[in-house]
Amino acid sequence: MAEGRIKRITDKGFGFIETGTDKDMFFHSSAVTNGRFDELREGQRVSYDVGRGPKGPRAENVQVI
């Protein structure tokens, strides 16, 4: 599993994870596995699996560390 920090969360049910590279990782609220999307906060450390979405890479199995 990869690790990063929540960079931004939207009120539309998705967010972005800082990956340590120049590209942020998109994630959808349905990808959060150990809690609820509305409990996530910017700056929290998370682990995730890299998956493939219709518009490119996306985070799956997002878990707060």
N, C-alpha and C. Protein backbone atom coordinates (compact mmCIF):
# COMPACT_ATOMS: atom_id res chain seq x y z
N MET A 1 0.84 -1.18 0.00
CA MET A 1 0.00 0.00 0.00
C MET A 1 0.88 1.25 0.00
N ALA A 2 0.43 2.24 -0.72
CA ALA A 2 1.12 3.54 -0.75
C ALA A 2 0.59 4.40 0.39
N GLU A 3 1.34 5.43 0.74
CA GLU A 3 0.92 6.34 1.80
C GLU A 3 1.01 7.78 1.32
N GLY A 4 0.19 8.64 1.91
CA GLY A 4 0.20 10.06 1.59
C GLY A 4 -0.62 10.82 2.61
N ARG A 5 -0.87 12.08 2.32
CA ARG A 5 -1.69 12.94 3.19
C ARG A 5 -2.86 13.50 2.39
N ILE A 6 -3.98 13.65 3.07
CA ILE A 6 -5.14 14.26 2.43
C ILE A 6 -4.79 15.71 2.10
N LYS A 7 -4.87 16.07 0.85
CA LYS A 7 -4.55 17.44 0.43
C LYS A 7 -5.81 18.29 0.40
N ARG A 8 -6.87 17.74 -0.17
CA ARG A 8 -8.10 18.51 -0.32
C ARG A 8 -9.30 17.57 -0.31
N ILE A 9 -10.37 18.01 0.32
CA ILE A 9 -11.63 17.27 0.33
C ILE A 9 -12.72 18.22 -0.16
N THR A 10 -13.58 17.73 -1.02
CA THR A 10 -14.66 18.56 -1.53
C THR A 10 -15.99 18.17 -0.89
N ASP A 11 -16.98 19.02 -1.04
CA ASP A 11 -18.32 18.70 -0.54
C ASP A 11 -19.11 17.87 -1.55
N LYS A 12 -18.47 17.50 -2.65
CA LYS A 12 -19.12 16.69 -3.68
C LYS A 12 -18.80 15.21 -3.57
N GLY A 13 -18.05 14.82 -2.51
CA GLY A 13 -17.81 13.40 -2.28
C GLY A 13 -16.52 12.85 -2.84
N PHE A 14 -15.55 13.70 -3.08
CA PHE A 14 -14.25 13.21 -3.52
C PHE A 14 -13.16 14.09 -2.94
N GLY A 15 -11.92 13.65 -3.11
CA GLY A 15 -10.78 14.40 -2.59
C GLY A 15 -9.51 14.02 -3.32
N PHE A 16 -8.40 14.58 -2.83
CA PHE A 16 -7.10 14.35 -3.42
C PHE A 16 -6.08 14.07 -2.33
N ILE A 17 -5.15 13.17 -2.61
CA ILE A 17 -4.11 12.77 -1.69
C ILE A 17 -2.77 13.23 -2.25
N GLU A 18 -1.96 13.90 -1.40
CA GLU A 18 -0.59 14.24 -1.78
C GLU A 18 0.22 12.95 -1.77
N THR A 19 0.90 12.67 -2.86
CA THR A 19 1.61 11.40 -2.99
C THR A 19 3.12 11.54 -2.81
N GLY A 20 3.61 12.76 -2.71
CA GLY A 20 5.05 12.96 -2.63
C GLY A 20 5.69 13.14 -4.00
N THR A 21 4.87 13.10 -5.03
CA THR A 21 5.34 13.37 -6.39
C THR A 21 4.63 14.63 -6.88
N ASP A 22 4.80 14.96 -8.14
CA ASP A 22 4.14 16.16 -8.67
C ASP A 22 2.66 15.91 -9.01
N LYS A 23 2.19 14.69 -8.88
CA LYS A 23 0.80 14.36 -9.18
C LYS A 23 0.07 13.96 -7.90
N ASP A 24 -1.10 14.55 -7.67
CA ASP A 24 -1.95 14.15 -6.55
C ASP A 24 -2.84 13.00 -7.00
N MET A 25 -3.27 12.18 -6.03
CA MET A 25 -4.09 11.01 -6.32
C MET A 25 -5.56 11.31 -5.99
N PHE A 26 -6.43 11.15 -6.96
CA PHE A 26 -7.87 11.33 -6.79
C PHE A 26 -8.44 10.17 -5.98
N PHE A 27 -9.44 10.43 -5.13
CA PHE A 27 -10.20 9.35 -4.51
C PHE A 27 -11.65 9.76 -4.35
N HIS A 28 -12.53 8.78 -4.40
CA HIS A 28 -13.97 8.98 -4.23
C HIS A 28 -14.36 8.54 -2.83
N SER A 29 -15.43 9.10 -2.32
CA SER A 29 -15.89 8.76 -0.96
C SER A 29 -16.12 7.27 -0.77
N SER A 30 -16.51 6.57 -1.82
CA SER A 30 -16.77 5.13 -1.71
C SER A 30 -15.48 4.32 -1.52
N ALA A 31 -14.30 4.95 -1.69
CA ALA A 31 -13.02 4.25 -1.54
C ALA A 31 -12.54 4.22 -0.09
N VAL A 32 -13.19 4.96 0.80
CA VAL A 32 -12.78 5.00 2.21
C VAL A 32 -13.28 3.73 2.89
N THR A 33 -12.35 2.96 3.50
CA THR A 33 -12.72 1.64 4.02
C THR A 33 -12.75 1.53 5.54
N ASN A 34 -12.07 2.40 6.27
CA ASN A 34 -12.08 2.25 7.73
C ASN A 34 -12.59 3.51 8.42
N GLY A 35 -13.70 3.96 8.03
CA GLY A 35 -14.29 5.17 8.59
C GLY A 35 -15.26 5.75 7.59
N ARG A 36 -15.62 6.99 7.82
CA ARG A 36 -16.55 7.65 6.93
C ARG A 36 -15.86 8.83 6.25
N PHE A 37 -16.29 9.09 5.03
CA PHE A 37 -15.70 10.18 4.25
C PHE A 37 -15.80 11.51 4.99
N ASP A 38 -16.94 11.77 5.62
CA ASP A 38 -17.13 13.07 6.28
C ASP A 38 -16.31 13.21 7.56
N GLU A 39 -15.62 12.16 7.99
CA GLU A 39 -14.72 12.24 9.14
C GLU A 39 -13.27 12.55 8.74
N LEU A 40 -12.97 12.50 7.44
CA LEU A 40 -11.62 12.79 6.97
C LEU A 40 -11.32 14.28 7.09
N ARG A 41 -10.06 14.59 7.35
CA ARG A 41 -9.61 15.98 7.48
C ARG A 41 -8.35 16.19 6.64
N GLU A 42 -8.22 17.38 6.11
CA GLU A 42 -7.02 17.70 5.35
C GLU A 42 -5.80 17.58 6.25
N GLY A 43 -4.73 17.00 5.73
CA GLY A 43 -3.50 16.79 6.48
C GLY A 43 -3.39 15.42 7.12
N GLN A 44 -4.49 14.65 7.18
CA GLN A 44 -4.43 13.30 7.77
C GLN A 44 -3.60 12.38 6.90
N ARG A 45 -2.83 11.50 7.56
CA ARG A 45 -2.08 10.48 6.83
C ARG A 45 -3.01 9.33 6.48
N VAL A 46 -2.87 8.83 5.27
CA VAL A 46 -3.69 7.71 4.81
C VAL A 46 -2.83 6.72 4.03
N SER A 47 -3.28 5.49 3.98
CA SER A 47 -2.70 4.50 3.08
C SER A 47 -3.76 4.17 2.04
N TYR A 48 -3.32 3.70 0.88
CA TYR A 48 -4.25 3.43 -0.21
C TYR A 48 -3.61 2.51 -1.23
N ASP A 49 -4.46 1.88 -2.02
CA ASP A 49 -4.01 1.10 -3.16
C ASP A 49 -4.22 1.95 -4.41
N VAL A 50 -3.34 1.81 -5.37
CA VAL A 50 -3.49 2.54 -6.63
C VAL A 50 -4.34 1.70 -7.57
N GLY A 51 -5.44 2.28 -8.02
CA GLY A 51 -6.33 1.62 -8.96
C GLY A 51 -6.44 2.44 -10.23
N ARG A 52 -7.29 2.01 -11.12
CA ARG A 52 -7.47 2.69 -12.39
C ARG A 52 -8.93 3.10 -12.52
N GLY A 53 -9.16 4.38 -12.78
CA GLY A 53 -10.50 4.90 -12.99
C GLY A 53 -10.69 5.30 -14.44
N PRO A 54 -11.86 5.79 -14.79
CA PRO A 54 -12.12 6.16 -16.19
C PRO A 54 -11.26 7.33 -16.68
N LYS A 55 -10.74 8.14 -15.74
CA LYS A 55 -9.93 9.30 -16.15
C LYS A 55 -8.47 9.15 -15.73
N GLY A 56 -8.06 7.96 -15.33
CA GLY A 56 -6.66 7.74 -14.95
C GLY A 56 -6.56 7.09 -13.58
N PRO A 57 -5.37 7.18 -12.95
CA PRO A 57 -5.18 6.53 -11.65
C PRO A 57 -6.06 7.13 -10.57
N ARG A 58 -6.46 6.29 -9.62
CA ARG A 58 -7.23 6.76 -8.47
C ARG A 58 -6.91 5.88 -7.27
N ALA A 59 -7.12 6.44 -6.09
CA ALA A 59 -6.87 5.69 -4.86
C ALA A 59 -8.06 4.83 -4.52
N GLU A 60 -7.78 3.62 -4.08
CA GLU A 60 -8.81 2.68 -3.62
C GLU A 60 -8.41 2.18 -2.24
N ASN A 61 -9.36 1.68 -1.48
CA ASN A 61 -9.09 1.17 -0.13
C ASN A 61 -8.37 2.20 0.73
N VAL A 62 -8.87 3.42 0.76
CA VAL A 62 -8.26 4.51 1.52
C VAL A 62 -8.52 4.28 3.01
N GLN A 63 -7.43 4.28 3.80
CA GLN A 63 -7.53 4.05 5.24
C GLN A 63 -6.70 5.08 5.99
N VAL A 64 -7.28 5.63 7.05
CA VAL A 64 -6.53 6.55 7.91
C VAL A 64 -5.48 5.78 8.67
N ILE A 65 -4.27 6.30 8.74
CA ILE A 65 -3.17 5.64 9.47
C ILE A 65 -3.16 6.14 10.89
